[in-house]
C-alpha atoms as a PDB file:
ATOM      1  CA  PRO A   1      25.710  -8.235  -1.746  1.00  0.00           C
ATOM      2  CA  ASP A   2      27.388  -7.421   1.530  1.00  0.00           C
ATOM      3  CA  TYR A   3      26.519  -4.532   3.785  1.00  0.00           C
ATOM      4  CA  ARG A   4      29.284  -2.264   2.499  1.00  0.00           C
ATOM      5  CA  SER A   5      28.256  -2.595  -1.157  1.00  0.00           C
ATOM      6  CA  GLU A   6      24.630  -1.926  -0.197  1.00  0.00           C
ATOM      7  CA  LEU A   7      25.682   1.193   1.712  1.00  0.00           C
ATOM      8  CA  GLN A   8      27.853   2.341  -1.189  1.00  0.00           C
ATOM      9  CA  TYR A   9      24.962   1.830  -3.623  1.00  0.00           C
ATOM     10  CA  LEU A  10      22.574   3.645  -1.309  1.00  0.00           C
ATOM     11  CA  PHE A  11      24.762   6.743  -1.048  1.00  0.00           C
ATOM     12  CA  GLU A  12      25.564   6.752  -4.729  1.00  0.00           C
ATOM     13  CA  ARG A  13      21.820   6.740  -5.436  1.00  0.00           C
ATOM     14  CA  ILE A  14      21.279   9.556  -2.928  1.00  0.00           C
ATOM     15  CA  ASP A  15      24.114  11.554  -4.550  1.00  0.00           C
ATOM     16  CA  THR A  16      22.480  11.081  -7.950  1.00  0.00           C
ATOM     17  CA  LEU A  17      19.102  12.215  -6.617  1.00  0.00           C
ATOM     18  CA  LEU A  18      20.578  15.300  -4.938  1.00  0.00           C
ATOM     19  CA  GLN A  19      22.521  16.232  -8.103  1.00  0.00           C
ATOM     20  CA  SER A  20      19.341  15.930 -10.150  1.00  0.00           C
ATOM     21  CA  GLY A  21      17.626  18.534  -7.989  1.00  0.00           C
ATOM     22  CA  VAL A  22      15.727  16.376  -5.510  1.00  0.00           C
ATOM     23  CA  THR A  23      15.766  18.064  -2.092  1.00  0.00           C
ATOM     24  CA  PRO A  24      17.019  16.081   0.928  1.00  0.00           C
ATOM     25  CA  GLN A  25      13.546  16.359   2.468  1.00  0.00           C
ATOM     26  CA  GLU A  26      12.112  14.390  -0.458  1.00  0.00           C
ATOM     27  CA  ILE A  27      14.451  11.410   0.076  1.00  0.00           C
ATOM     28  CA  THR A  28      13.412   8.636   2.453  1.00  0.00           C
ATOM     29  CA  VAL A  29      15.360   5.485   3.161  1.00  0.00           C
ATOM     30  CA  THR A  30      13.830   2.625   5.135  1.00  0.00           C
ATOM     31  CA  ALA A  31      15.875   0.010   6.914  1.00  0.00           C
ATOM     32  CA  LEU A  32      15.162  -3.049   8.972  1.00  0.00           C
ATOM     33  CA  GLU A  33      16.724  -3.005  12.431  1.00  0.00           C
ATOM     34  CA  LEU A  34      17.713   0.610  12.106  1.00  0.00           C
ATOM     35  CA  GLU A  35      19.439   0.737  15.498  1.00  0.00           C
ATOM     36  CA  ASP A  36      21.954  -1.851  14.295  1.00  0.00           C
ATOM     37  CA  GLN A  37      22.766   0.257  11.237  1.00  0.00           C
ATOM     38  CA  ARG A  38      22.501   3.781  12.615  1.00  0.00           C
ATOM     39  CA  ASP A  39      26.236   4.327  13.303  1.00  0.00           C
ATOM     40  CA  PHE A  40      27.285   3.085   9.847  1.00  0.00           C
ATOM     41  CA  LEU A  41      24.678   5.304   8.139  1.00  0.00           C
ATOM     42  CA  GLU A  42      25.675   8.378  10.105  1.00  0.00           C
ATOM     43  CA  ILE A  43      29.405   7.858   9.488  1.00  0.00           C
ATOM     44  CA  GLU A  44      28.961   7.261   5.772  1.00  0.00           C
ATOM     45  CA  ALA A  45      26.620  10.278   5.425  1.00  0.00           C
ATOM     46  CA  ARG A  46      29.127  12.521   7.216  1.00  0.00           C
ATOM     47  CA  ARG A  47      32.007  11.162   5.091  1.00  0.00           C
ATOM     48  CA  ARG A  48      30.095  11.983   1.914  1.00  0.00           C
ATOM     49  CA  GLY A  49      28.636  15.286   3.083  1.00  0.00           C
ATOM     50  CA  VAL A  50      25.066  14.042   2.738  1.00  0.00           C
ATOM     51  CA  PRO A  51      22.556  15.630   5.114  1.00  0.00           C
ATOM     52  CA  VAL A  52      20.820  12.937   7.108  1.00  0.00           C
ATOM     53  CA  ARG A  53      18.110  12.807   9.789  1.00  0.00           C
ATOM     54  CA  ILE A  54      17.652   9.314  11.158  1.00  0.00           C
ATOM     55  CA  GLN A  55      14.307   8.539  12.733  1.00  0.00           C
ATOM     56  CA  SER A  56      13.008   5.347  14.126  1.00  0.00           C
ATOM     57  CA  GLY A  57       9.576   4.515  15.265  1.00  0.00           C
ATOM     58  CA  ARG A  58       6.622   2.837  13.687  1.00  0.00           C
ATOM     59  CA  PRO A  59       7.128   0.686  10.630  1.00  0.00           C
ATOM     60  CA  LEU A  60       6.344   2.399   7.340  1.00  0.00           C
ATOM     61  CA  SER A  61       3.526  -0.105   6.789  1.00  0.00           C
ATOM     62  CA  SER A  62       1.674   1.224   9.860  1.00  0.00           C
ATOM     63  CA  LEU A  63       1.455   4.787   8.581  1.00  0.00           C
ATOM     64  CA  PRO A  64      -1.489   6.245   6.651  1.00  0.00           C
ATOM     65  CA  GLY A  65      -0.609   5.935   2.989  1.00  0.00           C
ATOM     66  CA  ALA A  66       0.947   2.492   3.473  1.00  0.00           C
ATOM     67  CA  SER A  67      -1.153   0.665   6.053  1.00  0.00           C
ATOM     68  CA  PHE A  68      -3.622  -0.489   3.431  1.00  0.00           C
ATOM     69  CA  PHE A  69      -0.921  -2.551   1.703  1.00  0.00           C
ATOM     70  CA  SER A  70      -0.950  -5.032   4.581  1.00  0.00           C
ATOM     71  CA  ARG A  71      -4.754  -4.963   4.503  1.00  0.00           C
ATOM     72  CA  ILE A  72      -4.704  -5.827   0.797  1.00  0.00           C
ATOM     73  CA  ARG A  73      -2.457  -8.796   1.664  1.00  0.00           C
ATOM     74  CA  ASP A  74      -4.951  -9.820   4.376  1.00  0.00           C
ATOM     75  CA  VAL A  75      -7.908  -9.696   1.961  1.00  0.00           C
ATOM     76  CA  LEU A  76      -6.064 -11.874  -0.519  1.00  0.00           C
ATOM     77  CA  SER A  77      -4.859 -14.390   2.047  1.00  0.00           C
ATOM     78  CA  ALA A  78      -8.320 -14.602   3.675  1.00  0.00           C
ATOM     79  CA  ASP A  79     -10.032 -15.230   0.323  1.00  0.00           C
ATOM     80  CA  PHE A  80     -11.969 -11.973   0.451  1.00  0.00           C
ATOM     81  CA  SER A  81     -13.572 -12.648   3.835  1.00  0.00           C
ATOM     82  CA  ILE A  82     -15.885  -9.865   4.962  1.00  0.00           C
ATOM     83  CA  LEU A  83     -13.694  -9.293   8.057  1.00  0.00           C
ATOM     84  CA  SER A  84     -10.585  -8.572   6.013  1.00  0.00           C
ATOM     85  CA  LEU A  85     -12.482  -6.703   3.304  1.00  0.00           C
ATOM     86  CA  SER A  86     -14.144  -4.524   5.949  1.00  0.00           C
ATOM     87  CA  SER A  87     -10.779  -3.733   7.520  1.00  0.00           C
ATOM     88  CA  LEU A  88      -9.489  -2.566   4.105  1.00  0.00           C
ATOM     89  CA  CYS A  89     -12.555  -0.753   2.831  1.00  0.00           C
ATOM     90  CA  MET A  90     -13.511   1.010   6.049  1.00  0.00           C
ATOM     91  CA  ASP A  91     -10.032   2.469   6.632  1.00  0.00           C
ATOM     92  CA  ARG A  92     -10.806   6.181   6.862  1.00  0.00           C
ATOM     93  CA  SER A  93      -7.174   7.195   6.366  1.00  0.00           C
ATOM     94  CA  VAL A  94      -7.495   6.015   2.750  1.00  0.00           C
ATOM     95  CA  PRO A  95      -9.112   8.467   0.323  1.00  0.00           C
ATOM     96  CA  TRP A  96     -11.514   6.041  -1.363  1.00  0.00           C
ATOM     97  CA  ARG A  97     -13.013   7.173  -4.644  1.00  0.00           C
ATOM     98  CA  ASN A  98     -16.397   5.680  -3.703  1.00  0.00           C
ATOM     99  CA  ALA A  99     -16.511   5.277   0.056  1.00  0.00           C
ATOM    100  CA  ALA A 100     -20.295   5.068   0.128  1.00  0.00           C
ATOM    101  CA  GLY A 101     -20.293   2.175  -2.377  1.00  0.00           C
ATOM    102  CA  LEU A 102     -17.652   0.346  -0.331  1.00  0.00           C
ATOM    103  CA  SER A 103     -19.724   0.883   2.804  1.00  0.00           C
ATOM    104  CA  ARG A 104     -22.757  -0.707   1.097  1.00  0.00           C
ATOM    105  CA  LEU A 105     -20.545  -3.572  -0.069  1.00  0.00           C
ATOM    106  CA  VAL A 106     -19.338  -4.188   3.483  1.00  0.00           C
ATOM    107  CA  GLN A 107     -22.912  -4.045   4.868  1.00  0.00           C
ATOM    108  CA  PHE A 108     -24.002  -6.584   2.227  1.00  0.00           C
ATOM    109  CA  GLY A 109     -21.071  -8.846   3.146  1.00  0.00           C
ATOM    110  CA  TYR A 110     -21.922  -8.835   6.846  1.00  0.00           C
ATOM    111  CA  ARG A 111     -25.644  -9.316   6.253  1.00  0.00           C
ATOM    112  CA  ASN A 112     -24.963 -12.306   3.977  1.00  0.00           C
ATOM    113  CA  HIS A 113     -22.096 -13.877   5.996  1.00  0.00           C
ATOM    114  CA  CYS A 114     -19.585 -13.600   3.143  1.00  0.00           C
ATOM    115  CA  TYR A 115     -16.522 -15.256   4.678  1.00  0.00           C
ATOM    116  CA  SER A 116     -14.927 -16.277   1.357  1.00  0.00           C
ATOM    117  CA  ASP A 117     -15.090 -15.513  -2.332  1.00  0.00           C
ATOM    118  CA  VAL A 118     -17.379 -18.525  -2.844  1.00  0.00           C
ATOM    119  CA  GLU A 119     -19.865 -17.125  -0.270  1.00  0.00           C
ATOM    120  CA  TRP A 120     -19.684 -13.648  -1.874  1.00  0.00           C
ATOM    121  CA  ASN A 121     -20.555 -15.086  -5.286  1.00  0.00           C
ATOM    122  CA  ALA A 122     -23.379 -17.253  -3.898  1.00  0.00           C
ATOM    123  CA  ALA A 123     -24.858 -14.350  -1.936  1.00  0.00           C
ATOM    124  CA  LEU A 124     -24.659 -12.028  -4.949  1.00  0.00           C
ATOM    125  CA  ARG A 125     -26.343 -14.639  -7.209  1.00  0.00           C
ATOM    126  CA  LEU A 126     -29.154 -15.125  -4.656  1.00  0.00           C
ATOM    127  CA  ALA A 127     -29.706 -11.395  -4.303  1.00  0.00           C
ATOM    128  CA  GLY A 128     -30.138 -11.062  -8.059  1.00  0.00           C
ATOM    129  CA  PRO A 129     -30.792  -7.706  -9.744  1.00  0.00           C
ATOM    130  CA  SER A 130     -31.343  -5.894  -6.439  1.00  0.00           C
ATOM    131  CA  ALA A 131     -27.615  -6.295  -5.705  1.00  0.00           C
ATOM    132  CA  CYS A 132     -26.408  -5.175  -9.143  1.00  0.00           C
ATOM    133  CA  GLU A 133     -24.368  -2.227  -7.817  1.00  0.00           C
ATOM    134  CA  THR A 134     -22.904  -4.363  -5.036  1.00  0.00           C
ATOM    135  CA  ALA A 135     -21.997  -7.108  -7.528  1.00  0.00           C
ATOM    136  CA  GLN A 136     -20.231  -4.554  -9.725  1.00  0.00           C
ATOM    137  CA  ARG A 137     -18.322  -3.111  -6.736  1.00  0.00           C
ATOM    138  CA  TYR A 138     -17.265  -6.554  -5.562  1.00  0.00           C
ATOM    139  CA  GLY A 139     -16.338  -7.716  -9.047  1.00  0.00           C
ATOM    140  CA  GLY A 140     -14.243  -4.608  -9.722  1.00  0.00           C
ATOM    141  CA  LEU A 141     -12.490  -4.822  -6.373  1.00  0.00           C
ATOM    142  CA  HIS A 142     -11.948  -8.561  -6.778  1.00  0.00           C
ATOM    143  CA  ARG A 143     -10.423  -8.138 -10.246  1.00  0.00           C
ATOM    144  CA  VAL A 144      -8.033  -5.382  -9.289  1.00  0.00           C
ATOM    145  CA  LEU A 145      -6.921  -7.054  -6.028  1.00  0.00           C
ATOM    146  CA  SER A 146      -6.513 -10.427  -7.747  1.00  0.00           C
ATOM    147  CA  GLY A 147      -4.161  -8.693 -10.152  1.00  0.00           C
ATOM    148  CA  VAL A 148      -1.974  -7.836  -7.167  1.00  0.00           C
ATOM    149  CA  SER A 149      -1.830 -11.505  -6.123  1.00  0.00           C
ATOM    150  CA  ARG A 150      -0.900 -12.588  -9.631  1.00  0.00           C
ATOM    151  CA  ALA A 151       2.078 -10.259  -9.862  1.00  0.00           C
ATOM    152  CA  ARG A 152       5.305 -12.205 -10.289  1.00  0.00           C
ATOM    153  CA  THR A 153       7.866  -9.405 -10.448  1.00  0.00           C
ATOM    154  CA  LEU A 154       8.333  -6.133  -8.645  1.00  0.00           C
ATOM    155  CA  SER A 155       7.361  -4.171 -11.756  1.00  0.00           C
ATOM    156  CA  ASP A 156       4.223  -6.357 -12.157  1.00  0.00           C
ATOM    157  CA  LEU A 157       3.331  -5.676  -8.519  1.00  0.00           C
ATOM    158  CA  GLN A 158       3.870  -1.907  -8.903  1.00  0.00           C
ATOM    159  CA  ALA A 159       1.694  -1.904 -12.039  1.00  0.00           C
ATOM    160  CA  ALA A 160      -1.058  -3.896 -10.282  1.00  0.00           C
ATOM    161  CA  ILE A 161      -1.001  -1.531  -7.276  1.00  0.00           C
ATOM    162  CA  GLN A 162      -1.212   1.447  -9.668  1.00  0.00           C
ATOM    163  CA  ARG A 163      -4.277  -0.122 -11.336  1.00  0.00           C
ATOM    164  CA  PHE A 164      -5.841  -0.651  -7.920  1.00  0.00           C
ATOM    165  CA  ALA A 165      -5.041   2.951  -6.935  1.00  0.00           C
ATOM    166  CA  SER A 166      -6.349   4.502 -10.113  1.00  0.00           C
ATOM    167  CA  GLN A 167      -9.610   2.534  -9.821  1.00  0.00           C
ATOM    168  CA  GLU A 168     -10.223   2.858  -6.083  1.00  0.00           C
ATOM    169  CA  LEU A 169      -8.357   5.871  -4.685  1.00  0.00           C
ATOM    170  CA  ASP A 170      -8.944   9.602  -4.977  1.00  0.00           C
ATOM    171  CA  HIS A 171      -5.372  10.859  -4.992  1.00  0.00           C
ATOM    172  CA  GLU A 172      -6.486  14.491  -4.641  1.00  0.00           C
ATOM    173  CA  ARG A 173      -7.723  13.733  -1.129  1.00  0.00           C
ATOM    174  CA  TRP A 174      -4.501  12.272   0.287  1.00  0.00           C
ATOM    175  CA  SER A 175      -2.933  14.323   3.046  1.00  0.00           C
ATOM    176  CA  GLN A 176       0.561  15.454   1.945  1.00  0.00           C
ATOM    177  CA  ALA A 177       2.188  13.199   4.540  1.00  0.00           C
ATOM    178  CA  ALA A 178       0.130  10.154   3.603  1.00  0.00           C
ATOM    179  CA  GLU A 179       0.791  10.753  -0.092  1.00  0.00           C
ATOM    180  CA  ARG A 180       4.542  10.870   0.503  1.00  0.00           C
ATOM    181  CA  VAL A 181       4.374   7.613   2.486  1.00  0.00           C
ATOM    182  CA  TYR A 182       2.269   6.028  -0.257  1.00  0.00           C
ATOM    183  CA  GLU A 183       4.704   7.092  -2.979  1.00  0.00           C
ATOM    184  CA  ARG A 184       7.729   5.848  -1.032  1.00  0.00           C
ATOM    185  CA  THR A 185       5.995   2.529  -0.351  1.00  0.00           C
ATOM    186  CA  ILE A 186       5.222   2.076  -4.061  1.00  0.00           C
ATOM    187  CA  ALA A 187       8.833   2.910  -4.951  1.00  0.00           C
ATOM    188  CA  THR A 188      10.201   0.316  -2.550  1.00  0.00           C
END
């Protein structure tokens, strides 16, 4: 589609949301190269009577509530290296369900030089029963994150992220701003 049809679709969708009772403050639109599109967005919003506040700044993916999506990608592309796993699991802006268990997992990974999935599995086998909790944490995290990498469609990806979130995140502890960013990121 060309830019005009995308713009038309965008404002039709916004109109539908507003008519269904969604407040303007609840609607977020993200755009690449916003400065190139700002004038068109403002003109079309004015023409349609849609309230708009255009902000530019940091990418959505750098905000709490969305930054961990790129960290998930890093874990998957680095084959579960301890460096990437530590970056994901030790992110304090994320309301982890079991932060203490993740901290022990990370400590185990550093102690045992777990720079790939193969090394994780070897270290966990060698540790035996004493690492039972760590093996369960790693196995659960590995399963749910691997589901993200196997997603082939947007709906598969959203479902995999929801499984990850329900297993690993405590949604009650999100800040309101981070939760809104998380929800918008999932929706896009």
